[in-house]
Amino acid sequence: MQSIQEIQAEIIDEFSMFEDWEERYQYMIDLGKELPLINDQYKTENNIIKGCQSKVWVHAEMLEDKVAFTADSDAIITKGIIAILIRVFSNQHPKDIIEANTDFIDQIGLKEHLSPTRANGLVSMIKQLKMYAIAYQTQLK
């Protein structure tokens, strides 16, 4: 199983293959299409990430000692963003999710190529994924 750092390094490599942001956006849209989709029963108000301009639903569950995430969004770019985050954090131990840094987002230049509202949404998504991890971590002790 890959560590969070290994997955982040992979994503940095993938993004560096593209010449411009047009191609990177397209890649993010493609990633969004491959997102492990949230079951419709979890598309509730409780699972909506606050602070996002578009609707983003995230569901988390503990499978053995790892947190598994599924998600969906009503906007294609946002769906790509949450797909990247879920790829990094899903099926990882809660402690690793909590301690993970997210510098890879700056390294791929994502934040600076998002509108301010989307960039805030990105921060909210990370915060929410880490909150789930914190909740599960406390159950493990």
C-alpha atoms as a PDB file:
ATOM      1  CA  MET A   1       0.000   0.000   0.000  1.00  0.00           C
ATOM      2  CA  GLN A   2       1.259   3.449  -0.913  1.00  0.00           C
ATOM      3  CA  SER A   3       1.880   6.106   1.706  1.00  0.00           C
ATOM      4  CA  ILE A   4       0.291   9.539   1.487  1.00  0.00           C
ATOM      5  CA  GLN A   5       3.706  11.005   0.533  1.00  0.00           C
ATOM      6  CA  GLU A   6       4.134   8.488  -2.314  1.00  0.00           C
ATOM      7  CA  ILE A   7       0.699   9.274  -3.719  1.00  0.00           C
ATOM      8  CA  GLN A   8       1.378  13.011  -3.459  1.00  0.00           C
ATOM      9  CA  ALA A   9       4.696  12.568  -5.310  1.00  0.00           C
ATOM     10  CA  GLU A  10       2.849  10.627  -8.031  1.00  0.00           C
ATOM     11  CA  ILE A  11       0.321  13.447  -8.436  1.00  0.00           C
ATOM     12  CA  ILE A  12       3.121  16.053  -8.655  1.00  0.00           C
ATOM     13  CA  ASP A  13       4.756  13.937 -11.398  1.00  0.00           C
ATOM     14  CA  GLU A  14       1.471  13.581 -13.288  1.00  0.00           C
ATOM     15  CA  PHE A  15       0.766  17.314 -13.198  1.00  0.00           C
ATOM     16  CA  SER A  16       4.309  18.147 -14.319  1.00  0.00           C
ATOM     17  CA  MET A  17       3.705  16.227 -17.563  1.00  0.00           C
ATOM     18  CA  PHE A  18       1.254  18.865 -18.770  1.00  0.00           C
ATOM     19  CA  GLU A  19       2.377  21.960 -20.611  1.00  0.00           C
ATOM     20  CA  ASP A  20      -0.323  24.350 -19.444  1.00  0.00           C
ATOM     21  CA  TRP A  21      -3.264  24.759 -17.110  1.00  0.00           C
ATOM     22  CA  GLU A  22      -5.787  24.027 -19.837  1.00  0.00           C
ATOM     23  CA  GLU A  23      -4.424  20.469 -19.968  1.00  0.00           C
ATOM     24  CA  ARG A  24      -4.246  20.232 -16.161  1.00  0.00           C
ATOM     25  CA  TYR A  25      -7.889  21.275 -15.817  1.00  0.00           C
ATOM     26  CA  GLN A  26      -8.823  18.618 -18.364  1.00  0.00           C
ATOM     27  CA  TYR A  27      -6.833  16.065 -16.360  1.00  0.00           C
ATOM     28  CA  MET A  28      -8.650  17.114 -13.174  1.00  0.00           C
ATOM     29  CA  ILE A  29     -11.995  16.700 -14.946  1.00  0.00           C
ATOM     30  CA  ASP A  30     -10.913  13.215 -16.030  1.00  0.00           C
ATOM     31  CA  LEU A  31      -9.901  12.369 -12.450  1.00  0.00           C
ATOM     32  CA  GLY A  32     -13.317  13.546 -11.307  1.00  0.00           C
ATOM     33  CA  LYS A  33     -14.945  11.058 -13.677  1.00  0.00           C
ATOM     34  CA  GLU A  34     -13.013   8.236 -11.983  1.00  0.00           C
ATOM     35  CA  LEU A  35     -13.955   9.357  -8.459  1.00  0.00           C
ATOM     36  CA  PRO A  36     -15.323   6.592  -6.202  1.00  0.00           C
ATOM     37  CA  LEU A  37     -18.854   7.974  -6.084  1.00  0.00           C
ATOM     38  CA  ILE A  38     -20.746   8.450  -2.884  1.00  0.00           C
ATOM     39  CA  ASN A  39     -23.840   6.311  -2.471  1.00  0.00           C
ATOM     40  CA  ASP A  40     -26.989   8.405  -3.022  1.00  0.00           C
ATOM     41  CA  GLN A  41     -28.148   7.685   0.548  1.00  0.00           C
ATOM     42  CA  TYR A  42     -25.180   9.757   1.789  1.00  0.00           C
ATOM     43  CA  LYS A  43     -25.977  12.801  -0.363  1.00  0.00           C
ATOM     44  CA  THR A  44     -27.415  14.598   2.642  1.00  0.00           C
ATOM     45  CA  GLU A  45     -27.009  18.041   4.190  1.00  0.00           C
ATOM     46  CA  ASN A  46     -24.774  16.488   6.875  1.00  0.00           C
ATOM     47  CA  ASN A  47     -22.286  15.305   4.256  1.00  0.00           C
ATOM     48  CA  ILE A  48     -22.061  18.586   2.353  1.00  0.00           C
ATOM     49  CA  ILE A  49     -18.759  20.391   2.850  1.00  0.00           C
ATOM     50  CA  LYS A  50     -19.407  23.864   4.177  1.00  0.00           C
ATOM     51  CA  GLY A  51     -17.446  26.653   2.539  1.00  0.00           C
ATOM     52  CA  CYS A  52     -17.666  25.279  -0.999  1.00  0.00           C
ATOM     53  CA  GLN A  53     -19.338  27.307  -3.715  1.00  0.00           C
ATOM     54  CA  SER A  54     -20.624  24.173  -5.421  1.00  0.00           C
ATOM     55  CA  LYS A  55     -22.113  21.194  -3.643  1.00  0.00           C
ATOM     56  CA  VAL A  56     -19.556  18.621  -2.489  1.00  0.00           C
ATOM     57  CA  TRP A  57     -20.664  15.561  -0.556  1.00  0.00           C
ATOM     58  CA  VAL A  58     -18.153  13.415   1.302  1.00  0.00           C
ATOM     59  CA  HIS A  59     -18.785  10.178   3.140  1.00  0.00           C
ATOM     60  CA  ALA A  60     -16.189   8.495   5.334  1.00  0.00           C
ATOM     61  CA  GLU A  61     -16.153   5.089   6.937  1.00  0.00           C
ATOM     62  CA  MET A  62     -13.628   3.011   8.820  1.00  0.00           C
ATOM     63  CA  LEU A  63     -12.605  -0.177   7.054  1.00  0.00           C
ATOM     64  CA  GLU A  64     -10.386  -2.122   9.409  1.00  0.00           C
ATOM     65  CA  ASP A  65      -8.060   0.628  10.685  1.00  0.00           C
ATOM     66  CA  LYS A  66      -8.205   2.866   7.603  1.00  0.00           C
ATOM     67  CA  VAL A  67     -10.557   5.641   6.550  1.00  0.00           C
ATOM     68  CA  ALA A  68     -12.274   5.142   3.190  1.00  0.00           C
ATOM     69  CA  PHE A  69     -13.762   8.189   1.494  1.00  0.00           C
ATOM     70  CA  THR A  70     -16.318   8.506  -1.275  1.00  0.00           C
ATOM     71  CA  ALA A  71     -17.546  11.804  -2.686  1.00  0.00           C
ATOM     72  CA  ASP A  72     -19.394  13.638  -5.404  1.00  0.00           C
ATOM     73  CA  SER A  73     -19.888  17.196  -6.583  1.00  0.00           C
ATOM     74  CA  ASP A  74     -22.270  19.005  -8.885  1.00  0.00           C
ATOM     75  CA  ALA A  75     -19.362  20.879 -10.548  1.00  0.00           C
ATOM     76  CA  ILE A  76     -16.782  19.168 -12.773  1.00  0.00           C
ATOM     77  CA  ILE A  77     -13.671  21.051 -11.600  1.00  0.00           C
ATOM     78  CA  THR A  78     -14.670  20.661  -7.959  1.00  0.00           C
ATOM     79  CA  LYS A  79     -15.235  16.969  -8.559  1.00  0.00           C
ATOM     80  CA  GLY A  80     -11.670  16.779  -9.889  1.00  0.00           C
ATOM     81  CA  ILE A  81     -10.312  18.569  -6.822  1.00  0.00           C
ATOM     82  CA  ILE A  82     -12.071  16.248  -4.363  1.00  0.00           C
ATOM     83  CA  ALA A  83     -10.962  13.267  -6.494  1.00  0.00           C
ATOM     84  CA  ILE A  84      -7.313  14.292  -5.997  1.00  0.00           C
ATOM     85  CA  LEU A  85      -7.799  14.681  -2.236  1.00  0.00           C
ATOM     86  CA  ILE A  86      -9.589  11.359  -1.928  1.00  0.00           C
ATOM     87  CA  ARG A  87      -6.855   9.636  -3.905  1.00  0.00           C
ATOM     88  CA  VAL A  88      -4.334  10.986  -1.383  1.00  0.00           C
ATOM     89  CA  PHE A  89      -6.268  10.367   1.832  1.00  0.00           C
ATOM     90  CA  SER A  90      -8.589   7.413   1.228  1.00  0.00           C
ATOM     91  CA  ASN A  91      -7.602   4.020   2.649  1.00  0.00           C
ATOM     92  CA  GLN A  92      -5.033   5.584   4.952  1.00  0.00           C
ATOM     93  CA  HIS A  93      -4.706   5.358   8.714  1.00  0.00           C
ATOM     94  CA  PRO A  94      -6.442   8.287  10.503  1.00  0.00           C
ATOM     95  CA  LYS A  95      -3.195   9.342  12.213  1.00  0.00           C
ATOM     96  CA  ASP A  96      -1.435   9.588   8.817  1.00  0.00           C
ATOM     97  CA  ILE A  97      -4.268  11.696   7.396  1.00  0.00           C
ATOM     98  CA  ILE A  98      -4.188  14.042  10.395  1.00  0.00           C
ATOM     99  CA  GLU A  99      -0.398  14.469  10.215  1.00  0.00           C
ATOM    100  CA  ALA A 100      -0.157  14.734   6.423  1.00  0.00           C
ATOM    101  CA  ASN A 101       0.924  18.028   4.980  1.00  0.00           C
ATOM    102  CA  THR A 102      -0.719  19.237   1.803  1.00  0.00           C
ATOM    103  CA  ASP A 103       2.238  21.072   0.253  1.00  0.00           C
ATOM    104  CA  PHE A 104       1.751  19.026  -2.911  1.00  0.00           C
ATOM    105  CA  ILE A 105      -1.212  21.291  -3.726  1.00  0.00           C
ATOM    106  CA  ASP A 106       1.131  24.286  -3.889  1.00  0.00           C
ATOM    107  CA  GLN A 107       3.716  22.242  -5.787  1.00  0.00           C
ATOM    108  CA  ILE A 108       1.249  21.428  -8.564  1.00  0.00           C
ATOM    109  CA  GLY A 109       0.159  25.091  -8.532  1.00  0.00           C
ATOM    110  CA  LEU A 110      -3.452  24.242  -7.880  1.00  0.00           C
ATOM    111  CA  LYS A 111      -4.330  26.991  -5.396  1.00  0.00           C
ATOM    112  CA  GLU A 112      -3.017  29.819  -7.558  1.00  0.00           C
ATOM    113  CA  HIS A 113      -5.031  28.572 -10.555  1.00  0.00           C
ATOM    114  CA  LEU A 114      -8.337  28.435  -8.717  1.00  0.00           C
ATOM    115  CA  SER A 115     -10.750  31.273  -8.153  1.00  0.00           C
ATOM    116  CA  PRO A 116     -10.681  32.567  -4.551  1.00  0.00           C
ATOM    117  CA  THR A 117     -13.979  30.817  -3.784  1.00  0.00           C
ATOM    118  CA  ARG A 118     -12.703  27.499  -5.175  1.00  0.00           C
ATOM    119  CA  ALA A 119      -9.430  27.895  -3.258  1.00  0.00           C
ATOM    120  CA  ASN A 120     -11.449  28.412  -0.062  1.00  0.00           C
ATOM    121  CA  GLY A 121     -13.493  25.346  -0.976  1.00  0.00           C
ATOM    122  CA  LEU A 122     -10.277  23.358  -1.364  1.00  0.00           C
ATOM    123  CA  VAL A 123      -9.190  24.367   2.146  1.00  0.00           C
ATOM    124  CA  SER A 124     -12.644  23.387   3.458  1.00  0.00           C
ATOM    125  CA  MET A 125     -12.391  19.974   1.762  1.00  0.00           C
ATOM    126  CA  ILE A 126      -8.997  19.261   3.348  1.00  0.00           C
ATOM    127  CA  LYS A 127     -10.285  20.424   6.723  1.00  0.00           C
ATOM    128  CA  GLN A 128     -13.335  18.157   6.462  1.00  0.00           C
ATOM    129  CA  LEU A 129     -11.323  15.071   5.457  1.00  0.00           C
ATOM    130  CA  LYS A 130      -8.999  15.686   8.403  1.00  0.00           C
ATOM    131  CA  MET A 131     -11.999  16.157  10.738  1.00  0.00           C
ATOM    132  CA  TYR A 132     -13.285  12.716   9.750  1.00  0.00           C
ATOM    133  CA  ALA A 133      -9.816  11.293  10.426  1.00  0.00           C
ATOM    134  CA  ILE A 134      -9.722  12.966  13.859  1.00  0.00           C
ATOM    135  CA  ALA A 135     -13.135  11.511  14.706  1.00  0.00           C
ATOM    136  CA  TYR A 136     -12.018   8.009  13.726  1.00  0.00           C
ATOM    137  CA  GLN A 137      -8.650   8.391  15.451  1.00  0.00           C
ATOM    138  CA  THR A 138     -10.391   9.094  18.763  1.00  0.00           C
ATOM    139  CA  GLN A 139     -12.447   5.906  18.323  1.00  0.00           C
ATOM    140  CA  LEU A 140      -9.255   3.862  17.902  1.00  0.00           C
ATOM    141  CA  LYS A 141      -7.805   4.849  21.270  1.00  0.00           C
END
